[in-house]
Amino acid sequence: MWKISILALALTLPLLMGFTSDKSGELVNLIHFQIEQGKQIVAIGERHQHKSFHTLLGNALSSKQTQEDIDVIVVEFGNSFYQDELDSYINGEDISVDAIRVVWRNTVISPNTVWDSPVYERFFKTVRDINRTLRPERRYRVIAGGKSIDRAAIQSAEDYEPYKASLRSQHIYEVVEAEVLLKGKKALLIAGGHHVTKISAEVGRNGRSIRSETTGSLLELNYPNSTFFINVYSKLASLGIAEIKDIENGSIILSEEPWLGGIKAGEVASFFTYEDFKLKDMADAVLHWGPEEHWVYEIPLSATYKDDDYWEELNRRSLIRRNRKMDESLRD
């Protein structure tokens, strides 16, 4: 077990390894340390559309150390139906960004427009640009963790029915197992915070409570000690904890810190029921961003929906899934 405090993480490791002590440096250091300790995966919970996180992630991926440590980046925000096209784009082949947008626009959750935030397109472009500076054998591979769906084949509610209750955490786990664990690769996993929670939770669905396995709980069950889990909790700064008030945004705090790890899970993750679990049961570390009212999100641009072809397709999907058209205010 790692017994280094947040102060050692922020200061000692950068001095020893020659890194800067900025916040992306902390993430680089943590990834490096965990890979050195034998972890195959560092899983990071993403608050969707959070601009500051994606800036931090892009900076960490630009680090030579991360480029040496990580082979694969598995992301929730991509449709695996287009994996071949994504591989070509990430490797710098002559594919326009217009042609590759289907990767994040045509996912199983569409017409939910969460992935239309510019942070996701920028992520793929950033990795492509980084790879252009690397030797082919050292380039990142980005793997779409979203369930494969051919949107052109979905013409009715009946066609969509098999995807309606899609077990997205299960699918991400299966992708990670096949493309990372069984191939002996080293990876980052970027997905929503619930997916990378180490324990399963009870969720209410159709008036009943069911146990929901997460990608994290499946990894812990089937490949114990393979993964280091970092998550983000928007409620953390509102709990009035004295120790946290002077911690800088973007800092990584280990859940071994008693004041952090001992927090009841329900106090920071109340959307699901975690019974008597503590924060330390859910995550190995927390990426801290301060009070949520100060978080910066990058929502989709209205110009995205002024593309008439895309807007027409979103309306078609919305009628199939929701029996109504899209909200016209998205185009304002």
Protein backbone atom coordinates (compact mmCIF):
# COMPACT_ATOMS: atom_id res chain seq x y z
CA MET A 1 0.00 0.00 0.00
CA TRP A 2 1.20 3.47 -0.88
CA LYS A 3 1.99 5.40 2.28
CA ILE A 4 3.05 8.74 0.77
CA SER A 5 1.17 11.86 1.88
CA ILE A 6 -0.22 14.52 -0.42
CA LEU A 7 2.74 16.76 0.47
CA ALA A 8 5.18 14.08 -0.62
CA LEU A 9 3.21 13.52 -3.79
CA ALA A 10 3.20 17.21 -4.67
CA LEU A 11 6.78 18.04 -3.72
CA THR A 12 9.09 15.07 -3.15
CA LEU A 13 8.38 13.13 -6.33
CA PRO A 14 8.79 16.13 -8.65
CA LEU A 15 12.17 16.86 -7.04
CA LEU A 16 13.31 13.26 -7.33
CA MET A 17 12.15 12.81 -10.93
CA GLY A 18 12.88 16.26 -12.29
CA PHE A 19 9.25 17.17 -12.94
CA THR A 20 7.65 20.54 -12.32
CA SER A 21 5.36 20.83 -9.32
CA ASP A 22 2.32 22.16 -11.24
CA LYS A 23 -0.93 20.21 -11.03
CA SER A 24 -0.45 18.25 -14.24
CA GLY A 25 2.92 17.26 -12.79
CA GLU A 26 1.14 15.73 -9.79
CA LEU A 27 -0.99 13.60 -12.09
CA VAL A 28 2.04 12.59 -14.17
CA ASN A 29 3.89 11.60 -11.00
CA LEU A 30 1.01 9.58 -9.64
CA ILE A 31 0.53 7.71 -12.93
CA HIS A 32 4.24 6.95 -13.08
CA PHE A 33 4.41 5.74 -9.48
CA GLN A 34 1.40 3.45 -9.85
CA ILE A 35 2.69 1.91 -13.08
CA GLU A 36 6.09 1.40 -11.41
CA GLN A 37 4.30 -0.35 -8.53
CA GLY A 38 2.73 -2.84 -10.93
CA LYS A 39 -0.66 -1.35 -11.71
CA GLN A 40 -1.83 -1.83 -15.29
CA ILE A 41 -4.52 0.83 -15.19
CA VAL A 42 -5.02 4.27 -13.70
CA ALA A 43 -8.74 5.01 -13.82
CA ILE A 44 -9.85 8.64 -13.58
CA GLY A 45 -13.43 9.73 -13.00
CA GLU A 46 -14.54 12.54 -15.30
CA ARG A 47 -17.22 15.10 -14.52
CA HIS A 48 -18.67 15.41 -18.00
CA GLN A 49 -17.81 18.62 -19.88
CA HIS A 50 -15.45 19.81 -17.12
CA LYS A 51 -13.00 22.07 -18.93
CA SER A 52 -10.38 22.25 -16.16
CA PHE A 53 -10.09 18.48 -15.98
CA HIS A 54 -9.58 18.13 -19.71
CA THR A 55 -6.92 20.82 -19.68
CA LEU A 56 -5.13 18.93 -16.90
CA LEU A 57 -5.48 15.65 -18.77
CA GLY A 58 -4.13 17.11 -22.00
CA ASN A 59 -1.10 18.52 -20.18
CA ALA A 60 -0.42 15.17 -18.50
CA LEU A 61 -0.64 13.31 -21.82
CA SER A 62 1.89 15.76 -23.27
CA SER A 63 4.44 14.71 -20.65
CA LYS A 64 7.28 12.51 -21.89
CA GLN A 65 6.95 10.47 -18.70
CA THR A 66 3.28 9.65 -19.35
CA GLN A 67 4.13 8.81 -22.94
CA GLU A 68 6.63 6.25 -21.64
CA ASP A 69 4.25 4.87 -19.00
CA ILE A 70 0.96 4.58 -20.92
CA ASP A 71 0.14 2.59 -24.06
CA VAL A 72 -3.63 2.89 -24.24
CA ILE A 73 -6.32 5.39 -23.28
CA VAL A 74 -9.81 3.89 -22.94
CA VAL A 75 -12.58 6.49 -23.00
CA GLU A 76 -16.29 6.27 -22.28
CA PHE A 77 -17.09 8.97 -24.85
CA GLY A 78 -16.74 6.98 -28.05
CA ASN A 79 -18.69 4.46 -30.12
CA SER A 80 -16.62 1.30 -30.62
CA PHE A 81 -18.40 0.71 -33.95
CA TYR A 82 -15.90 3.22 -35.38
CA GLN A 83 -12.73 1.86 -33.75
CA ASP A 84 -10.93 1.36 -37.07
CA GLU A 85 -11.61 4.95 -38.10
CA LEU A 86 -10.54 6.18 -34.69
CA ASP A 87 -7.26 4.24 -34.89
CA SER A 88 -6.53 5.81 -38.26
CA TYR A 89 -7.30 9.33 -37.05
CA ILE A 90 -5.28 9.02 -33.83
CA ASN A 91 -2.32 7.70 -35.83
CA GLY A 92 -2.33 10.85 -37.96
CA GLU A 93 -3.78 9.46 -41.16
CA ASP A 94 -5.54 11.78 -43.59
CA ILE A 95 -8.99 11.79 -41.99
CA SER A 96 -10.77 15.06 -41.36
CA VAL A 97 -12.23 15.92 -37.99
CA ASP A 98 -15.63 16.22 -39.71
CA ALA A 99 -15.38 12.56 -40.71
CA ILE A 100 -14.29 11.37 -37.26
CA ARG A 101 -16.99 13.20 -35.26
CA VAL A 102 -19.23 10.15 -35.64
CA VAL A 103 -17.09 8.52 -32.92
CA TRP A 104 -18.53 10.73 -30.17
CA ARG A 105 -21.72 11.94 -31.86
CA ASN A 106 -23.16 8.52 -32.71
CA THR A 107 -22.93 6.83 -29.31
CA VAL A 108 -25.58 4.68 -27.71
CA ILE A 109 -26.77 7.59 -25.50
CA SER A 110 -27.44 9.95 -28.42
CA PRO A 111 -29.49 12.19 -28.80
CA ASN A 112 -28.17 13.06 -25.35
CA THR A 113 -25.78 15.81 -26.42
CA VAL A 114 -23.25 15.61 -23.56
CA TRP A 115 -20.42 14.51 -25.86
CA ASP A 116 -20.99 17.54 -28.14
CA SER A 117 -19.00 19.63 -25.67
CA PRO A 118 -15.83 20.91 -27.39
CA VAL A 119 -13.69 19.20 -24.71
CA TYR A 120 -14.21 15.80 -26.34
CA GLU A 121 -13.32 16.80 -29.89
CA ARG A 122 -10.31 18.64 -28.45
CA PHE A 123 -9.23 15.50 -26.54
CA PHE A 124 -9.04 13.38 -29.70
CA LYS A 125 -7.27 16.14 -31.61
CA THR A 126 -4.78 16.61 -28.75
CA VAL A 127 -3.84 12.93 -28.73
CA ARG A 128 -3.52 12.93 -32.53
CA ASP A 129 -1.20 15.94 -32.34
CA ILE A 130 0.90 14.34 -29.59
CA ASN A 131 1.19 11.11 -31.57
CA ARG A 132 2.59 13.00 -34.54
CA THR A 133 5.65 13.80 -32.42
CA LEU A 134 6.20 10.19 -31.31
CA ARG A 135 7.71 7.11 -32.87
CA PRO A 136 4.97 4.70 -34.07
CA GLU A 137 5.74 2.16 -31.32
CA ARG A 138 5.34 4.80 -28.60
CA ARG A 139 2.11 6.38 -29.82
CA TYR A 140 -0.99 6.31 -27.65
CA ARG A 141 -3.84 4.14 -28.81
CA VAL A 142 -7.28 5.54 -27.94
CA ILE A 143 -9.97 2.90 -27.55
CA ALA A 144 -13.66 3.79 -27.63
CA GLY A 145 -15.27 2.22 -24.56
CA GLY A 146 -18.85 2.87 -25.64
CA LYS A 147 -21.05 0.03 -26.83
CA SER A 148 -21.00 -0.53 -30.59
CA ILE A 149 -24.08 0.77 -32.36
CA ASP A 150 -24.73 1.38 -36.06
CA ARG A 151 -26.99 4.41 -35.96
CA ALA A 152 -28.02 4.00 -39.59
CA ALA A 153 -29.57 0.64 -38.68
CA ILE A 154 -31.74 2.14 -35.91
CA GLN A 155 -34.94 3.09 -37.70
CA SER A 156 -37.54 2.45 -35.00
CA ALA A 157 -38.05 2.14 -31.26
CA GLU A 158 -37.98 -1.62 -31.72
CA ASP A 159 -34.54 -1.38 -33.34
CA TYR A 160 -33.28 0.64 -30.37
CA GLU A 161 -34.79 -1.65 -27.73
CA PRO A 162 -31.69 -3.87 -27.29
CA TYR A 163 -29.66 -0.75 -26.44
CA LYS A 164 -32.21 0.82 -24.09
CA ALA A 165 -30.94 -0.83 -20.92
CA SER A 166 -27.36 -0.95 -22.17
CA LEU A 167 -25.03 -2.02 -19.35
CA ARG A 168 -22.44 0.60 -20.17
CA SER A 169 -20.18 -0.12 -17.18
CA GLN A 170 -20.13 -3.80 -18.12
CA HIS A 171 -19.17 -2.96 -21.69
CA ILE A 172 -16.36 -0.62 -20.65
CA TYR A 173 -15.05 -3.37 -18.37
CA GLU A 174 -15.11 -5.89 -21.24
CA VAL A 175 -13.18 -3.48 -23.47
CA VAL A 176 -10.58 -2.86 -20.76
CA GLU A 177 -10.21 -6.59 -20.13
CA ALA A 178 -9.78 -7.45 -23.82
CA GLU A 179 -7.61 -4.52 -24.92
CA VAL A 180 -5.56 -3.83 -21.79
CA LEU A 181 -5.46 -6.57 -19.20
CA LEU A 182 -5.26 -9.60 -21.49
CA LYS A 183 -2.74 -7.88 -23.77
CA GLY A 184 -0.46 -6.76 -20.94
CA LYS A 185 -0.84 -3.06 -21.80
CA LYS A 186 -0.64 -0.06 -19.47
CA ALA A 187 -3.64 2.22 -19.67
CA LEU A 188 -5.56 5.25 -18.56
CA LEU A 189 -9.30 4.76 -18.24
CA ILE A 190 -11.34 7.97 -18.52
CA ALA A 191 -15.04 7.62 -17.72
CA GLY A 192 -17.79 9.14 -15.63
CA GLY A 193 -17.25 8.96 -11.89
CA HIS A 194 -19.89 6.27 -11.27
CA HIS A 195 -18.25 3.93 -13.79
CA VAL A 196 -14.85 4.10 -12.06
CA THR A 197 -16.17 3.69 -8.53
CA LYS A 198 -14.52 0.67 -6.89
CA ILE A 199 -17.73 -0.71 -5.39
CA SER A 200 -21.17 -1.52 -6.74
CA ALA A 201 -24.19 0.51 -5.68
CA GLU A 202 -27.92 0.21 -5.29
CA VAL A 203 -29.92 2.19 -7.82
CA GLY A 204 -33.63 2.78 -8.16
CA ARG A 205 -35.08 1.66 -11.48
CA ASN A 206 -38.73 1.27 -12.41
CA GLY A 207 -39.76 1.48 -8.77
CA ARG A 208 -37.39 -1.17 -7.50
CA SER A 209 -33.87 -1.23 -6.09
CA ILE A 210 -31.23 -3.19 -7.96
CA ARG A 211 -27.51 -3.74 -7.51
CA SER A 212 -25.50 -1.95 -10.18
CA GLU A 213 -21.99 -3.21 -10.90
CA THR A 214 -19.54 -0.58 -12.08
CA THR A 215 -16.50 -0.91 -14.31
CA GLY A 216 -14.48 -0.36 -11.15
CA SER A 217 -16.25 -3.02 -9.09
CA LEU A 218 -15.83 -5.55 -11.90
CA LEU A 219 -12.12 -4.76 -12.15
CA GLU A 220 -11.73 -5.11 -8.38
CA LEU A 221 -13.62 -8.42 -8.41
CA ASN A 222 -11.92 -10.06 -11.38
CA TYR A 223 -8.51 -8.34 -11.47
CA PRO A 224 -7.76 -7.21 -7.90
CA ASN A 225 -4.87 -4.76 -7.50
CA SER A 226 -4.72 -4.11 -11.25
CA THR A 227 -6.10 -0.59 -11.07
CA PHE A 228 -5.57 2.65 -9.16
CA PHE A 229 -8.79 4.66 -8.94
CA ILE A 230 -8.96 8.47 -8.89
CA ASN A 231 -12.38 10.09 -8.64
CA VAL A 232 -13.93 13.52 -8.31
CA TYR A 233 -16.67 14.56 -5.89
CA SER A 234 -18.40 17.88 -6.38
CA LYS A 235 -19.85 17.88 -2.85
CA LEU A 236 -16.52 17.47 -1.10
CA ALA A 237 -15.74 21.17 -0.71
CA SER A 238 -19.18 21.85 0.79
CA LEU A 239 -18.71 19.49 3.77
CA GLY A 240 -16.87 22.09 5.85
CA ILE A 241 -13.73 19.99 6.33
CA ALA A 242 -10.92 22.14 7.70
CA GLU A 243 -8.13 20.18 6.05
CA ILE A 244 -9.41 20.81 2.55
CA LYS A 245 -9.84 24.58 2.52
CA ASP A 246 -6.22 25.38 1.62
CA ILE A 247 -5.73 22.61 -0.93
CA GLU A 248 -5.26 23.96 -4.45
CA ASN A 249 -7.66 23.11 -7.26
CA GLY A 250 -6.40 20.24 -9.39
CA SER A 251 -4.60 18.64 -6.44
CA ILE A 252 -4.64 14.90 -5.86
CA ILE A 253 -5.45 13.76 -2.33
CA LEU A 254 -4.92 10.15 -1.30
CA SER A 255 -7.93 8.56 0.39
CA GLU A 256 -5.55 7.06 2.95
CA GLU A 257 -5.72 10.47 4.62
CA PRO A 258 -8.06 9.63 7.56
CA TRP A 259 -10.03 12.87 7.31
CA LEU A 260 -10.79 12.09 3.65
CA GLY A 261 -11.07 8.32 3.53
CA GLY A 262 -13.41 8.23 6.52
CA ILE A 263 -16.12 10.36 4.90
CA LYS A 264 -19.37 8.44 4.46
CA ALA A 265 -19.86 7.52 0.81
CA GLY A 266 -23.38 8.92 0.78
CA GLU A 267 -22.14 12.38 1.73
CA VAL A 268 -20.26 12.79 -1.53
CA ALA A 269 -22.10 10.42 -3.87
CA SER A 270 -25.74 10.62 -2.87
CA PHE A 271 -27.23 9.77 -6.30
CA PHE A 272 -26.61 6.09 -5.55
CA THR A 273 -26.92 4.13 -2.31
CA TYR A 274 -23.61 2.88 -0.93
CA GLU A 275 -24.89 1.57 2.41
CA ASP A 276 -22.18 1.89 5.11
CA PHE A 277 -19.22 2.36 2.79
CA LYS A 278 -16.65 5.14 3.16
CA LEU A 279 -14.97 7.27 0.53
CA LYS A 280 -11.82 5.13 0.81
CA ASP A 281 -13.91 2.16 -0.35
CA MET A 282 -14.88 4.03 -3.53
CA ALA A 283 -11.58 5.60 -4.60
CA ASP A 284 -7.86 5.43 -3.93
CA ALA A 285 -7.46 9.16 -4.47
CA VAL A 286 -9.53 12.27 -5.12
CA LEU A 287 -8.92 14.93 -7.75
CA HIS A 288 -10.00 18.10 -5.97
CA TRP A 289 -11.51 21.07 -7.79
CA GLY A 290 -12.86 23.19 -4.93
CA PRO A 291 -16.48 24.42 -4.58
CA GLU A 292 -18.64 23.25 -7.48
CA GLU A 293 -19.99 26.73 -8.13
CA HIS A 294 -16.49 27.66 -9.33
CA TRP A 295 -16.11 24.72 -11.70
CA VAL A 296 -15.87 25.66 -15.37
CA TYR A 297 -17.88 23.57 -17.81
CA GLU A 298 -17.72 23.82 -21.59
CA ILE A 299 -21.20 23.21 -22.96
CA PRO A 300 -21.91 22.45 -26.63
CA LEU A 301 -21.80 25.41 -28.99
CA SER A 302 -25.04 26.47 -30.65
CA ALA A 303 -23.16 26.40 -33.97
CA THR A 304 -22.96 22.61 -33.61
CA TYR A 305 -26.73 22.39 -33.96
CA LYS A 306 -26.92 24.85 -36.84
CA ASP A 307 -25.50 22.08 -38.98
CA ASP A 308 -28.84 21.15 -40.58
CA ASP A 309 -27.86 17.58 -41.41
CA TYR A 310 -26.77 16.84 -37.84
CA TRP A 311 -29.83 18.58 -36.38
CA GLU A 312 -32.13 16.55 -38.60
CA GLU A 313 -30.41 13.34 -37.50
CA LEU A 314 -30.68 14.30 -33.81
CA ASN A 315 -34.40 14.92 -34.27
CA ARG A 316 -34.79 11.52 -35.93
CA ARG A 317 -33.06 9.83 -32.99
CA SER A 318 -35.03 11.83 -30.45
CA LEU A 319 -38.34 10.82 -32.02
CA ILE A 320 -37.27 7.18 -31.84
CA ARG A 321 -36.04 7.31 -28.24
CA ARG A 322 -38.27 9.98 -26.67
CA ASN A 323 -41.18 10.43 -29.07
CA ARG A 324 -40.41 14.14 -29.32
CA LYS A 325 -38.10 16.47 -31.23
CA MET A 326 -35.02 18.20 -29.87
CA ASP A 327 -35.20 21.45 -27.93
CA GLU A 328 -34.91 24.24 -30.51
CA SER A 329 -33.23 26.51 -27.94
CA LEU A 330 -30.03 24.50 -28.43
CA ARG A 331 -29.65 26.32 -31.75
CA ASP A 332 -29.95 29.83 -30.24
